[in-house]
Amino acid sequence: MDQNSLALILRIFVSSTDKYKDDLLYEHLVFKAKEFGLTGASVFKGVLGFGASSRVLSQKFWEISEKLPVVVEIIDTEDRILSFYESIKPDLETMRYGCLVLLEEASVLLSKPGRKH
């Protein structure tokens, strides 16, 4: 991505236990974004939240369940993000549980690649 360019952030809200086939959904999305050659993807785990089901999910040391809100953020140019979304849309639409997908414009102030390992 070039500095001072416009980008889109694709933000997908799911649960940490949501699955796609045998994989965790958030892992499936990140690896698919990598295969697609997108600029970057990150997963953020929430400590408290609720969604359309209105069930509050929280992280407390006495709880056995690790079901927590998760946000997958993927960034790239508009055409690449929209193309990627069309490729994952069927995966998201067939999920047993709900999700929320947002799209947001962002201005790239600095894009400095690091060394590959």
PDB file of N, CA and C in Angstrom:
ATOM      1  N   MET A   1       0.836  -1.174   0.000  1.00  0.00           N
ATOM      2  CA  MET A   1       0.000   0.000   0.000  1.00  0.00           C
ATOM      3  C   MET A   1       0.884   1.241   0.000  1.00  0.00           C
ATOM      4  N   ASP A   2       0.448   2.228  -0.701  1.00  0.00           N
ATOM      5  CA  ASP A   2       1.209   3.469  -0.778  1.00  0.00           C
ATOM      6  C   ASP A   2       0.783   4.429   0.317  1.00  0.00           C
ATOM      7  N   GLN A   3       1.752   5.214   0.811  1.00  0.00           N
ATOM      8  CA  GLN A   3       1.437   6.252   1.779  1.00  0.00           C
ATOM      9  C   GLN A   3       0.508   7.269   1.134  1.00  0.00           C
ATOM     10  N   ASN A   4      -0.320   7.859   1.952  1.00  0.00           N
ATOM     11  CA  ASN A   4      -1.280   8.871   1.519  1.00  0.00           C
ATOM     12  C   ASN A   4      -2.258   8.333   0.483  1.00  0.00           C
ATOM     13  N   SER A   5      -2.556   7.041   0.562  1.00  0.00           N
ATOM     14  CA  SER A   5      -3.550   6.447  -0.325  1.00  0.00           C
ATOM     15  C   SER A   5      -4.775   6.054   0.492  1.00  0.00           C
ATOM     16  N   LEU A   6      -5.856   5.765  -0.205  1.00  0.00           N
ATOM     17  CA  LEU A   6      -7.071   5.302   0.469  1.00  0.00           C
ATOM     18  C   LEU A   6      -7.088   3.787   0.494  1.00  0.00           C
ATOM     19  N   ALA A   7      -7.586   3.256   1.586  1.00  0.00           N
ATOM     20  CA  ALA A   7      -7.706   1.810   1.740  1.00  0.00           C
ATOM     21  C   ALA A   7      -9.072   1.520   2.331  1.00  0.00           C
ATOM     22  N   LEU A   8      -9.447   0.255   2.305  1.00  0.00           N
ATOM     23  CA  LEU A   8     -10.672  -0.176   2.972  1.00  0.00           C
ATOM     24  C   LEU A   8     -10.294  -1.161   4.070  1.00  0.00           C
ATOM     25  N   ILE A   9     -11.019  -1.077   5.176  1.00  0.00           N
ATOM     26  CA  ILE A   9     -10.880  -2.046   6.251  1.00  0.00           C
ATOM     27  C   ILE A   9     -12.147  -2.883   6.264  1.00  0.00           C
ATOM     28  N   LEU A  10     -11.978  -4.174   6.099  1.00  0.00           N
ATOM     29  CA  LEU A  10     -13.075  -5.125   6.208  1.00  0.00           C
ATOM     30  C   LEU A  10     -13.034  -5.645   7.634  1.00  0.00           C
ATOM     31  N   ARG A  11     -14.102  -5.437   8.381  1.00  0.00           N
ATOM     32  CA  ARG A  11     -14.146  -5.807   9.798  1.00  0.00           C
ATOM     33  C   ARG A  11     -15.251  -6.843   9.976  1.00  0.00           C
ATOM     34  N   ILE A  12     -14.886  -8.024  10.479  1.00  0.00           N
ATOM     35  CA  ILE A  12     -15.824  -9.130  10.621  1.00  0.00           C
ATOM     36  C   ILE A  12     -15.913  -9.514  12.095  1.00  0.00           C
ATOM     37  N   PHE A  13     -17.113  -9.409  12.664  1.00  0.00           N
ATOM     38  CA  PHE A  13     -17.358  -9.733  14.064  1.00  0.00           C
ATOM     39  C   PHE A  13     -17.932 -11.149  14.147  1.00  0.00           C
ATOM     40  N   VAL A  14     -17.253 -12.032  14.871  1.00  0.00           N
ATOM     41  CA  VAL A  14     -17.692 -13.409  15.059  1.00  0.00           C
ATOM     42  C   VAL A  14     -17.393 -13.824  16.503  1.00  0.00           C
ATOM     43  N   SER A  15     -17.574 -15.091  16.795  1.00  0.00           N
ATOM     44  CA  SER A  15     -17.239 -15.635  18.102  1.00  0.00           C
ATOM     45  C   SER A  15     -15.944 -16.432  17.993  1.00  0.00           C
ATOM     46  N   SER A  16     -15.204 -16.502  19.079  1.00  0.00           N
ATOM     47  CA  SER A  16     -13.937 -17.228  19.079  1.00  0.00           C
ATOM     48  C   SER A  16     -14.121 -18.724  18.851  1.00  0.00           C
ATOM     49  N   THR A  17     -15.329 -19.231  19.030  1.00  0.00           N
ATOM     50  CA  THR A  17     -15.567 -20.669  18.845  1.00  0.00           C
ATOM     51  C   THR A  17     -16.259 -20.997  17.524  1.00  0.00           C
ATOM     52  N   ASP A  18     -16.592 -19.980  16.713  1.00  0.00           N
ATOM     53  CA  ASP A  18     -17.235 -20.235  15.423  1.00  0.00           C
ATOM     54  C   ASP A  18     -16.289 -21.021  14.526  1.00  0.00           C
ATOM     55  N   LYS A  19     -16.858 -21.979  13.814  1.00  0.00           N
ATOM     56  CA  LYS A  19     -16.062 -22.859  12.958  1.00  0.00           C
ATOM     57  C   LYS A  19     -16.445 -22.692  11.493  1.00  0.00           C
ATOM     58  N   TYR A  20     -15.470 -22.923  10.631  1.00  0.00           N
ATOM     59  CA  TYR A  20     -15.703 -23.100   9.205  1.00  0.00           C
ATOM     60  C   TYR A  20     -15.137 -24.473   8.879  1.00  0.00           C
ATOM     61  N   LYS A  21     -15.998 -25.422   8.592  1.00  0.00           N
ATOM     62  CA  LYS A  21     -15.614 -26.831   8.430  1.00  0.00           C
ATOM     63  C   LYS A  21     -14.914 -27.263   9.714  1.00  0.00           C
ATOM     64  N   ASP A  22     -13.650 -27.676   9.653  1.00  0.00           N
ATOM     65  CA  ASP A  22     -12.947 -28.126  10.863  1.00  0.00           C
ATOM     66  C   ASP A  22     -12.051 -27.056  11.476  1.00  0.00           C
ATOM     67  N   ASP A  23     -12.006 -25.876  10.874  1.00  0.00           N
ATOM     68  CA  ASP A  23     -11.122 -24.807  11.341  1.00  0.00           C
ATOM     69  C   ASP A  23     -11.897 -23.745  12.104  1.00  0.00           C
ATOM     70  N   LEU A  24     -11.195 -23.030  12.970  1.00  0.00           N
ATOM     71  CA  LEU A  24     -11.798 -21.852  13.584  1.00  0.00           C
ATOM     72  C   LEU A  24     -12.037 -20.823  12.487  1.00  0.00           C
ATOM     73  N   LEU A  25     -13.178 -20.181  12.519  1.00  0.00           N
ATOM     74  CA  LEU A  25     -13.544 -19.246  11.454  1.00  0.00           C
ATOM     75  C   LEU A  25     -12.533 -18.121  11.316  1.00  0.00           C
ATOM     76  N   TYR A  26     -12.100 -17.544  12.436  1.00  0.00           N
ATOM     77  CA  TYR A  26     -11.171 -16.417  12.329  1.00  0.00           C
ATOM     78  C   TYR A  26      -9.836 -16.846  11.717  1.00  0.00           C
ATOM     79  N   GLU A  27      -9.397 -18.078  11.990  1.00  0.00           N
ATOM     80  CA  GLU A  27      -8.174 -18.573  11.352  1.00  0.00           C
ATOM     81  C   GLU A  27      -8.391 -18.785   9.852  1.00  0.00           C
ATOM     82  N   HIS A  28      -9.529 -19.355   9.507  1.00  0.00           N
ATOM     83  CA  HIS A  28      -9.872 -19.565   8.095  1.00  0.00           C
ATOM     84  C   HIS A  28      -9.826 -18.244   7.334  1.00  0.00           C
ATOM     85  N   LEU A  29     -10.396 -17.181   7.919  1.00  0.00           N
ATOM     86  CA  LEU A  29     -10.441 -15.882   7.250  1.00  0.00           C
ATOM     87  C   LEU A  29      -9.046 -15.285   7.070  1.00  0.00           C
ATOM     88  N   VAL A  30      -8.210 -15.382   8.098  1.00  0.00           N
ATOM     89  CA  VAL A  30      -6.859 -14.819   8.009  1.00  0.00           C
ATOM     90  C   VAL A  30      -6.026 -15.572   6.973  1.00  0.00           C
ATOM     91  N   PHE A  31      -6.068 -16.892   7.001  1.00  0.00           N
ATOM     92  CA  PHE A  31      -5.279 -17.666   6.035  1.00  0.00           C
ATOM     93  C   PHE A  31      -5.792 -17.475   4.614  1.00  0.00           C
ATOM     94  N   LYS A  32      -7.103 -17.300   4.467  1.00  0.00           N
ATOM     95  CA  LYS A  32      -7.653 -17.048   3.133  1.00  0.00           C
ATOM     96  C   LYS A  32      -7.213 -15.663   2.635  1.00  0.00           C
ATOM     97  N   ALA A  33      -7.173 -14.673   3.530  1.00  0.00           N
ATOM     98  CA  ALA A  33      -6.702 -13.331   3.159  1.00  0.00           C
ATOM     99  C   ALA A  33      -5.236 -13.384   2.743  1.00  0.00           C
ATOM    100  N   LYS A  34      -4.436 -14.182   3.438  1.00  0.00           N
ATOM    101  CA  LYS A  34      -3.024 -14.339   3.086  1.00  0.00           C
ATOM    102  C   LYS A  34      -2.888 -14.988   1.713  1.00  0.00           C
ATOM    103  N   GLU A  35      -3.659 -16.053   1.464  1.00  0.00           N
ATOM    104  CA  GLU A  35      -3.642 -16.708   0.157  1.00  0.00           C
ATOM    105  C   GLU A  35      -4.075 -15.749  -0.952  1.00  0.00           C
ATOM    106  N   PHE A  36      -5.001 -14.856  -0.627  1.00  0.00           N
ATOM    107  CA  PHE A  36      -5.507 -13.881  -1.588  1.00  0.00           C
ATOM    108  C   PHE A  36      -4.468 -12.797  -1.880  1.00  0.00           C
ATOM    109  N   GLY A  37      -3.415 -12.719  -1.036  1.00  0.00           N
ATOM    110  CA  GLY A  37      -2.351 -11.736  -1.227  1.00  0.00           C
ATOM    111  C   GLY A  37      -2.696 -10.355  -0.714  1.00  0.00           C
ATOM    112  N   LEU A  38      -3.607 -10.278   0.265  1.00  0.00           N
ATOM    113  CA  LEU A  38      -3.997  -8.971   0.796  1.00  0.00           C
ATOM    114  C   LEU A  38      -2.901  -8.392   1.677  1.00  0.00           C
ATOM    115  N   THR A  39      -2.961  -7.083   1.891  1.00  0.00           N
ATOM    116  CA  THR A  39      -1.921  -6.365   2.612  1.00  0.00           C
ATOM    117  C   THR A  39      -1.756  -6.833   4.050  1.00  0.00           C
ATOM    118  N   GLY A  40      -2.852  -7.036   4.763  1.00  0.00           N
ATOM    119  CA  GLY A  40      -2.718  -7.458   6.152  1.00  0.00           C
ATOM    120  C   GLY A  40      -4.035  -7.860   6.770  1.00  0.00           C
ATOM    121  N   ALA A  41      -3.934  -8.669   7.833  1.00  0.00           N
ATOM    122  CA  ALA A  41      -5.099  -9.104   8.590  1.00  0.00           C
ATOM    123  C   ALA A  41      -4.690  -9.266  10.050  1.00  0.00           C
ATOM    124  N   SER A  42      -5.591  -8.914  10.947  1.00  0.00           N
ATOM    125  CA  SER A  42      -5.362  -9.070  12.387  1.00  0.00           C
ATOM    126  C   SER A  42      -6.635  -9.575  13.035  1.00  0.00           C
ATOM    127  N   VAL A  43      -6.461 -10.312  14.129  1.00  0.00           N
ATOM    128  CA  VAL A  43      -7.595 -10.816  14.902  1.00  0.00           C
ATOM    129  C   VAL A  43      -7.494 -10.220  16.297  1.00  0.00           C
ATOM    130  N   PHE A  44      -8.608  -9.662  16.769  1.00  0.00           N
ATOM    131  CA  PHE A  44      -8.674  -9.070  18.100  1.00  0.00           C
ATOM    132  C   PHE A  44      -9.722  -9.810  18.913  1.00  0.00           C
ATOM    133  N   LYS A  45      -9.312 -10.271  20.087  1.00  0.00           N
ATOM    134  CA  LYS A  45     -10.242 -10.981  20.969  1.00  0.00           C
ATOM    135  C   LYS A  45     -10.776 -10.010  22.013  1.00  0.00           C
ATOM    136  N   GLY A  46     -12.094  -9.965  22.141  1.00  0.00           N
ATOM    137  CA  GLY A  46     -12.719  -9.095  23.124  1.00  0.00           C
ATOM    138  C   GLY A  46     -12.776  -9.751  24.490  1.00  0.00           C
ATOM    139  N   VAL A  47     -12.888  -8.950  25.526  1.00  0.00           N
ATOM    140  CA  VAL A  47     -13.030  -9.486  26.873  1.00  0.00           C
ATOM    141  C   VAL A  47     -14.483  -9.458  27.334  1.00  0.00           C
ATOM    142  N   LEU A  48     -15.319  -8.702  26.631  1.00  0.00           N
ATOM    143  CA  LEU A  48     -16.731  -8.609  26.973  1.00  0.00           C
ATOM    144  C   LEU A  48     -17.490  -8.086  25.773  1.00  0.00           C
ATOM    145  N   GLY A  49     -18.655  -8.651  25.495  1.00  0.00           N
ATOM    146  CA  GLY A  49     -19.449  -8.148  24.382  1.00  0.00           C
ATOM    147  C   GLY A  49     -20.707  -8.970  24.171  1.00  0.00           C
ATOM    148  N   PHE A  50     -21.575  -8.460  23.293  1.00  0.00           N
ATOM    149  CA  PHE A  50     -22.757  -9.202  22.897  1.00  0.00           C
ATOM    150  C   PHE A  50     -23.094  -8.823  21.477  1.00  0.00           C
ATOM    151  N   GLY A  51     -23.851  -9.694  20.820  1.00  0.00           N
ATOM    152  CA  GLY A  51     -24.237  -9.455  19.439  1.00  0.00           C
ATOM    153  C   GLY A  51     -25.727  -9.610  19.265  1.00  0.00           C
ATOM    154  N   ALA A  52     -26.122 -10.027  18.075  1.00  0.00           N
ATOM    155  CA  ALA A  52     -27.540 -10.140  17.741  1.00  0.00           C
ATOM    156  C   ALA A  52     -28.274 -11.117  18.645  1.00  0.00           C
ATOM    157  N   SER A  53     -27.571 -12.103  19.181  1.00  0.00           N
ATOM    158  CA  SER A  53     -28.218 -13.083  20.063  1.00  0.00           C
ATOM    159  C   SER A  53     -28.517 -12.489  21.436  1.00  0.00           C
ATOM    160  N   SER A  54     -27.939 -11.344  21.736  1.00  0.00           N
ATOM    161  CA  SER A  54     -28.070 -10.646  23.022  1.00  0.00           C
ATOM    162  C   SER A  54     -27.483 -11.423  24.189  1.00  0.00           C
ATOM    163  N   ARG A  55     -26.720 -12.457  23.912  1.00  0.00           N
ATOM    164  CA  ARG A  55     -26.032 -13.203  24.961  1.00  0.00           C
ATOM    165  C   ARG A  55     -24.699 -12.521  25.229  1.00  0.00           C
ATOM    166  N   VAL A  56     -24.475 -12.118  26.490  1.00  0.00           N
ATOM    167  CA  VAL A  56     -23.230 -11.446  26.845  1.00  0.00           C
ATOM    168  C   VAL A  56     -22.130 -12.483  27.003  1.00  0.00           C
ATOM    169  N   LEU A  57     -21.014 -12.252  26.317  1.00  0.00           N
ATOM    170  CA  LEU A  57     -19.836 -13.114  26.409  1.00  0.00           C
ATOM    171  C   LEU A  57     -18.764 -12.359  27.167  1.00  0.00           C
ATOM    172  N   SER A  58     -18.146 -13.028  28.143  1.00  0.00           N
ATOM    173  CA  SER A  58     -17.103 -12.348  28.909  1.00  0.00           C
ATOM    174  C   SER A  58     -15.974 -13.305  29.233  1.00  0.00           C
ATOM    175  N   GLN A  59     -14.829 -12.740  29.575  1.00  0.00           N
ATOM    176  CA  GLN A  59     -13.665 -13.516  29.956  1.00  0.00           C
ATOM    177  C   GLN A  59     -13.459 -13.323  31.448  1.00  0.00           C
ATOM    178  N   LYS A  60     -13.782 -14.353  32.207  1.00  0.00           N
ATOM    179  CA  LYS A  60     -13.580 -14.325  33.659  1.00  0.00           C
ATOM    180  C   LYS A  60     -12.831 -15.588  34.033  1.00  0.00           C
ATOM    181  N   PHE A  61     -11.962 -15.491  34.985  1.00  0.00           N
ATOM    182  CA  PHE A  61     -11.090 -16.621  35.290  1.00  0.00           C
ATOM    183  C   PHE A  61     -11.850 -17.865  35.748  1.00  0.00           C
ATOM    184  N   TRP A  62     -13.060 -17.727  36.259  1.00  0.00           N
ATOM    185  CA  TRP A  62     -13.807 -18.900  36.732  1.00  0.00           C
ATOM    186  C   TRP A  62     -14.668 -19.540  35.648  1.00  0.00           C
ATOM    187  N   GLU A  63     -14.732 -18.954  34.487  1.00  0.00           N
ATOM    188  CA  GLU A  63     -15.532 -19.519  33.413  1.00  0.00           C
ATOM    189  C   GLU A  63     -14.729 -20.547  32.630  1.00  0.00           C
ATOM    190  N   ILE A  64     -15.344 -21.665  32.337  1.00  0.00           N
ATOM    191  CA  ILE A  64     -14.692 -22.730  31.580  1.00  0.00           C
ATOM    192  C   ILE A  64     -14.694 -22.412  30.088  1.00  0.00           C
ATOM    193  N   SER A  65     -15.779 -21.844  29.602  1.00  0.00           N
ATOM    194  CA  SER A  65     -15.927 -21.575  28.173  1.00  0.00           C
ATOM    195  C   SER A  65     -14.987 -20.466  27.718  1.00  0.00           C
ATOM    196  N   GLU A  66     -14.400 -20.652  26.560  1.00  0.00           N
ATOM    197  CA  GLU A  66     -13.545 -19.629  25.958  1.00  0.00           C
ATOM    198  C   GLU A  66     -14.288 -18.903  24.847  1.00  0.00           C
ATOM    199  N   LYS A  67     -15.610 -18.911  24.877  1.00  0.00           N
ATOM    200  CA  LYS A  67     -16.403 -18.256  23.841  1.00  0.00           C
ATOM    201  C   LYS A  67     -16.373 -16.753  24.092  1.00  0.00           C
ATOM    202  N   LEU A  68     -15.644 -16.057  23.228  1.00  0.00           N
ATOM    203  CA  LEU A  68     -15.478 -14.614  23.370  1.00  0.00           C
ATOM    204  C   LEU A  68     -15.708 -13.936  22.026  1.00  0.00           C
ATOM    205  N   PRO A  69     -16.051 -12.650  22.058  1.00  0.00           N
ATOM    206  CA  PRO A  69     -16.177 -11.929  20.791  1.00  0.00           C
ATOM    207  C   PRO A  69     -14.813 -11.779  20.124  1.00  0.00           C
ATOM    208  N   VAL A  70     -14.801 -11.902  18.797  1.00  0.00           N
ATOM    209  CA  VAL A  70     -13.571 -11.774  18.014  1.00  0.00           C
ATOM    210  C   VAL A  70     -13.852 -10.858  16.827  1.00  0.00           C
ATOM    211  N   VAL A  71     -12.894 -10.001  16.529  1.00  0.00           N
ATOM    212  CA  VAL A  71     -12.993  -9.135  15.356  1.00  0.00           C
ATOM    213  C   VAL A  71     -11.802  -9.438  14.448  1.00  0.00           C
ATOM    214  N   VAL A  72     -12.102  -9.730  13.187  1.00  0.00           N
ATOM    215  CA  VAL A  72     -11.066  -9.931  12.177  1.00  0.00           C
ATOM    216  C   VAL A  72     -11.037  -8.675  11.322  1.00  0.00           C
ATOM    217  N   GLU A  73      -9.888  -8.015  11.259  1.00  0.00           N
ATOM    218  CA  GLU A  73      -9.731  -6.818  10.428  1.00  0.00           C
ATOM    219  C   GLU A  73      -8.778  -7.128   9.292  1.00  0.00           C
ATOM    220  N   ILE A  74      -9.211  -6.792   8.077  1.00  0.00           N
ATOM    221  CA  ILE A  74      -8.405  -7.035   6.885  1.00  0.00           C
ATOM    222  C   ILE A  74      -8.345  -5.728   6.110  1.00  0.00           C
ATOM    223  N   ILE A  75      -7.154  -5.353   5.668  1.00  0.00           N
ATOM    224  CA  ILE A  75      -6.993  -4.066   4.989  1.00  0.00           C
ATOM    225  C   ILE A  75      -6.323  -4.247   3.634  1.00  0.00           C
ATOM    226  N   ASP A  76      -6.801  -3.485   2.668  1.00  0.00           N
ATOM    227  CA  ASP A  76      -6.197  -3.441   1.335  1.00  0.00           C
ATOM    228  C   ASP A  76      -6.942  -2.375   0.536  1.00  0.00           C
ATOM    229  N   THR A  77      -6.682  -2.336  -0.754  1.00  0.00           N
ATOM    230  CA  THR A  77      -7.359  -1.384  -1.631  1.00  0.00           C
ATOM    231  C   THR A  77      -8.819  -1.797  -1.820  1.00  0.00           C
ATOM    232  N   GLU A  78      -9.629  -0.865  -2.283  1.00  0.00           N
ATOM    233  CA  GLU A  78     -11.064  -1.106  -2.422  1.00  0.00           C
ATOM    234  C   GLU A  78     -11.373  -2.309  -3.318  1.00  0.00           C
ATOM    235  N   ASP A  79     -10.777  -2.359  -4.485  1.00  0.00           N
ATOM    236  CA  ASP A  79     -11.095  -3.452  -5.406  1.00  0.00           C
ATOM    237  C   ASP A  79     -10.682  -4.810  -4.853  1.00  0.00           C
ATOM    238  N   ARG A  80      -9.542  -4.876  -4.173  1.00  0.00           N
ATOM    239  CA  ARG A  80      -9.079  -6.154  -3.627  1.00  0.00           C
ATOM    240  C   ARG A  80      -9.923  -6.604  -2.434  1.00  0.00           C
ATOM    241  N   ILE A  81     -10.321  -5.661  -1.588  1.00  0.00           N
ATOM    242  CA  ILE A  81     -11.170  -6.003  -0.435  1.00  0.00           C
ATOM    243  C   ILE A  81     -12.539  -6.469  -0.912  1.00  0.00           C
ATOM    244  N   LEU A  82     -13.129  -5.762  -1.870  1.00  0.00           N
ATOM    245  CA  LEU A  82     -14.450  -6.158  -2.364  1.00  0.00           C
ATOM    246  C   LEU A  82     -14.404  -7.516  -3.051  1.00  0.00           C
ATOM    247  N   SER A  83     -13.358  -7.779  -3.794  1.00  0.00           N
ATOM    248  CA  SER A  83     -13.192  -9.073  -4.436  1.00  0.00           C
ATOM    249  C   SER A  83     -13.032 -10.180  -3.390  1.00  0.00           C
ATOM    250  N   PHE A  84     -12.226  -9.910  -2.369  1.00  0.00           N
ATOM    251  CA  PHE A  84     -12.037 -10.883  -1.288  1.00  0.00           C
ATOM    252  C   PHE A  84     -13.351 -11.151  -0.575  1.00  0.00           C
ATOM    253  N   TYR A  85     -14.094 -10.091  -0.273  1.00  0.00           N
ATOM    254  CA  TYR A  85     -15.373 -10.272   0.424  1.00  0.00           C
ATOM    255  C   TYR A  85     -16.314 -11.166  -0.382  1.00  0.00           C
ATOM    256  N   GLU A  86     -16.381 -10.957  -1.677  1.00  0.00           N
ATOM    257  CA  GLU A  86     -17.242 -11.802  -2.509  1.00  0.00           C
ATOM    258  C   GLU A  86     -16.812 -13.262  -2.432  1.00  0.00           C
ATOM    259  N   SER A  87     -15.518 -13.507  -2.253  1.00  0.00           N
ATOM    260  CA  SER A  87     -15.036 -14.884  -2.170  1.00  0.00           C
ATOM    261  C   SER A  87     -15.372 -15.543  -0.828  1.00  0.00           C
ATOM    262  N   ILE A  88     -15.483 -14.755   0.257  1.00  0.00           N
ATOM    263  CA  ILE A  88     -15.791 -15.332   1.574  1.00  0.00           C
ATOM    264  C   ILE A  88     -17.265 -15.218   1.941  1.00  0.00           C
ATOM    265  N   LYS A  89     -18.008 -14.423   1.197  1.00  0.00           N
ATOM    266  CA  LYS A  89     -19.425 -14.218   1.509  1.00  0.00           C
ATOM    267  C   LYS A  89     -20.195 -15.535   1.627  1.00  0.00           C
ATOM    268  N   PRO A  90     -20.023 -16.496   0.703  1.00  0.00           N
ATOM    269  CA  PRO A  90     -20.733 -17.773   0.856  1.00  0.00           C
ATOM    270  C   PRO A  90     -20.352 -18.507   2.148  1.00  0.00           C
ATOM    271  N   ASP A  91     -19.082 -18.408   2.556  1.00  0.00           N
ATOM    272  CA  ASP A  91     -18.646 -19.041   3.800  1.00  0.00           C
ATOM    273  C   ASP A  91     -19.383 -18.440   4.991  1.00  0.00           C
ATOM    274  N   LEU A  92     -19.515 -17.117   5.004  1.00  0.00           N
ATOM    275  CA  LEU A  92     -20.172 -16.431   6.118  1.00  0.00           C
ATOM    276  C   LEU A  92     -21.682 -16.664   6.119  1.00  0.00           C
ATOM    277  N   GLU A  93     -22.276 -16.701   4.941  1.00  0.00           N
ATOM    278  CA  GLU A  93     -23.727 -16.885   4.848  1.00  0.00           C
ATOM    279  C   GLU A  93     -24.167 -18.284   5.260  1.00  0.00           C
ATOM    280  N   THR A  94     -23.288 -19.265   5.198  1.00  0.00           N
ATOM    281  CA  THR A  94     -23.659 -20.629   5.571  1.00  0.00           C
ATOM    282  C   THR A  94     -23.310 -20.956   7.020  1.00  0.00           C
ATOM    283  N   MET A  95     -22.789 -19.985   7.761  1.00  0.00           N
ATOM    284  CA  MET A  95     -22.454 -20.214   9.173  1.00  0.00           C
ATOM    285  C   MET A  95     -23.714 -20.504   9.972  1.00  0.00           C
ATOM    286  N   ARG A  96     -23.552 -21.370  10.971  1.00  0.00           N
ATOM    287  CA  ARG A  96     -24.681 -21.712  11.840  1.00  0.00           C
ATOM    288  C   ARG A  96     -25.094 -20.509  12.700  1.00  0.00           C
ATOM    289  N   TYR A  97     -24.107 -19.784  13.180  1.00  0.00           N
ATOM    290  CA  TYR A  97     -24.385 -18.632  14.041  1.00  0.00           C
ATOM    291  C   TYR A  97     -24.162 -17.343  13.263  1.00  0.00           C
ATOM    292  N   GLY A  98     -24.567 -16.235  13.830  1.00  0.00           N
ATOM    293  CA  GLY A  98     -24.507 -14.964  13.138  1.00  0.00           C
ATOM    294  C   GLY A  98     -23.129 -14.326  13.122  1.00  0.00           C
ATOM    295  N   CYS A  99     -23.027 -13.292  12.317  1.00  0.00           N
ATOM    296  CA  CYS A  99     -21.818 -12.484  12.264  1.00  0.00           C
ATOM    297  C   CYS A  99     -22.226 -11.093  11.769  1.00  0.00           C
ATOM    298  N   LEU A 100     -21.311 -10.177  11.846  1.00  0.00           N
ATOM    299  CA  LEU A 100     -21.536  -8.823  11.349  1.00  0.00           C
ATOM    300  C   LEU A 100     -20.313  -8.438  10.535  1.00  0.00           C
ATOM    301  N   VAL A 101     -20.533  -7.877   9.347  1.00  0.00           N
ATOM    302  CA  VAL A 101     -19.435  -7.476   8.473  1.00  0.00           C
ATOM    303  C   VAL A 101     -19.571  -5.983   8.188  1.00  0.00           C
ATOM    304  N   LEU A 102     -18.505  -5.247   8.439  1.00  0.00           N
ATOM    305  CA  LEU A 102     -18.483  -3.804   8.190  1.00  0.00           C
ATOM    306  C   LEU A 102     -17.366  -3.464   7.217  1.00  0.00           C
ATOM    307  N   LEU A 103     -17.538  -2.353   6.544  1.00  0.00           N
ATOM    308  CA  LEU A 103     -16.539  -1.851   5.615  1.00  0.00           C
ATOM    309  C   LEU A 103     -16.299  -0.391   5.974  1.00  0.00           C
ATOM    310  N   GLU A 104     -15.036  -0.015   6.057  1.00  0.00           N
ATOM    311  CA  GLU A 104     -14.704   1.350   6.468  1.00  0.00           C
ATOM    312  C   GLU A 104     -13.546   1.869   5.638  1.00  0.00           C
ATOM    313  N   GLU A 105     -13.640   3.126   5.215  1.00  0.00           N
ATOM    314  CA  GLU A 105     -12.537   3.767   4.502  1.00  0.00           C
ATOM    315  C   GLU A 105     -11.461   4.185   5.502  1.00  0.00           C
ATOM    316  N   ALA A 106     -10.222   4.108   5.064  1.00  0.00           N
ATOM    317  CA  ALA A 106      -9.105   4.529   5.899  1.00  0.00           C
ATOM    318  C   ALA A 106      -8.069   5.228   5.032  1.00  0.00           C
ATOM    319  N   SER A 107      -7.398   6.193   5.610  1.00  0.00           N
ATOM    320  CA  SER A 107      -6.296   6.872   4.928  1.00  0.00           C
ATOM    321  C   SER A 107      -4.992   6.272   5.429  1.00  0.00           C
ATOM    322  N   VAL A 108      -4.158   5.839   4.524  1.00  0.00           N
ATOM    323  CA  VAL A 108      -2.870   5.246   4.885  1.00  0.00           C
ATOM    324  C   VAL A 108      -1.880   6.385   5.115  1.00  0.00           C
ATOM    325  N   LEU A 109      -1.405   6.508   6.337  1.00  0.00           N
ATOM    326  CA  LEU A 109      -0.422   7.539   6.662  1.00  0.00           C
ATOM    327  C   LEU A 109       0.999   7.009   6.520  1.00  0.00           C
ATOM    328  N   LEU A 110       1.198   5.757   6.843  1.00  0.00           N
ATOM    329  CA  LEU A 110       2.513   5.140   6.747  1.00  0.00           C
ATOM    330  C   LEU A 110       2.321   3.658   6.465  1.00  0.00           C
ATOM    331  N   SER A 111       3.038   3.164   5.487  1.00  0.00           N
ATOM    332  CA  SER A 111       3.043   1.733   5.181  1.00  0.00           C
ATOM    333  C   SER A 111       4.489   1.329   4.948  1.00  0.00           C
ATOM    334  N   LYS A 112       5.117   0.854   6.005  1.00  0.00           N
ATOM    335  CA  LYS A 112       6.537   0.505   5.952  1.00  0.00           C
ATOM    336  C   LYS A 112       6.657  -0.997   6.121  1.00  0.00           C
ATOM    337  N   PRO A 113       6.969  -1.713   5.047  1.00  0.00           N
ATOM    338  CA  PRO A 113       7.126  -3.152   5.169  1.00  0.00           C
ATOM    339  C   PRO A 113       8.363  -3.525   5.990  1.00  0.00           C
ATOM    340  N   GLY A 114       8.240  -4.591   6.746  1.00  0.00           N
ATOM    341  CA  GLY A 114       9.370  -5.107   7.495  1.00  0.00           C
ATOM    342  C   GLY A 114      10.091  -6.172   6.679  1.00  0.00           C
ATOM    343  N   ARG A 115      11.139  -6.716   7.248  1.00  0.00           N
ATOM    344  CA  ARG A 115      11.864  -7.802   6.592  1.00  0.00           C
ATOM    345  C   ARG A 115      11.094  -9.089   6.736  1.00  0.00           C
ATOM    346  N   LYS A 116      11.086  -9.882   5.670  1.00  0.00           N
ATOM    347  CA  LYS A 116      10.408 -11.173   5.727  1.00  0.00           C
ATOM    348  C   LYS A 116      11.282 -12.172   6.452  1.00  0.00           C
ATOM    349  N   HIS A 117      10.615 -13.038   7.224  1.00  0.00           N
ATOM    350  CA  HIS A 117      11.344 -14.079   7.983  1.00  0.00           C
ATOM    351  C   HIS A 117      11.271 -15.380   7.257  1.00  0.00           C
TER     352      HIS A 117
END
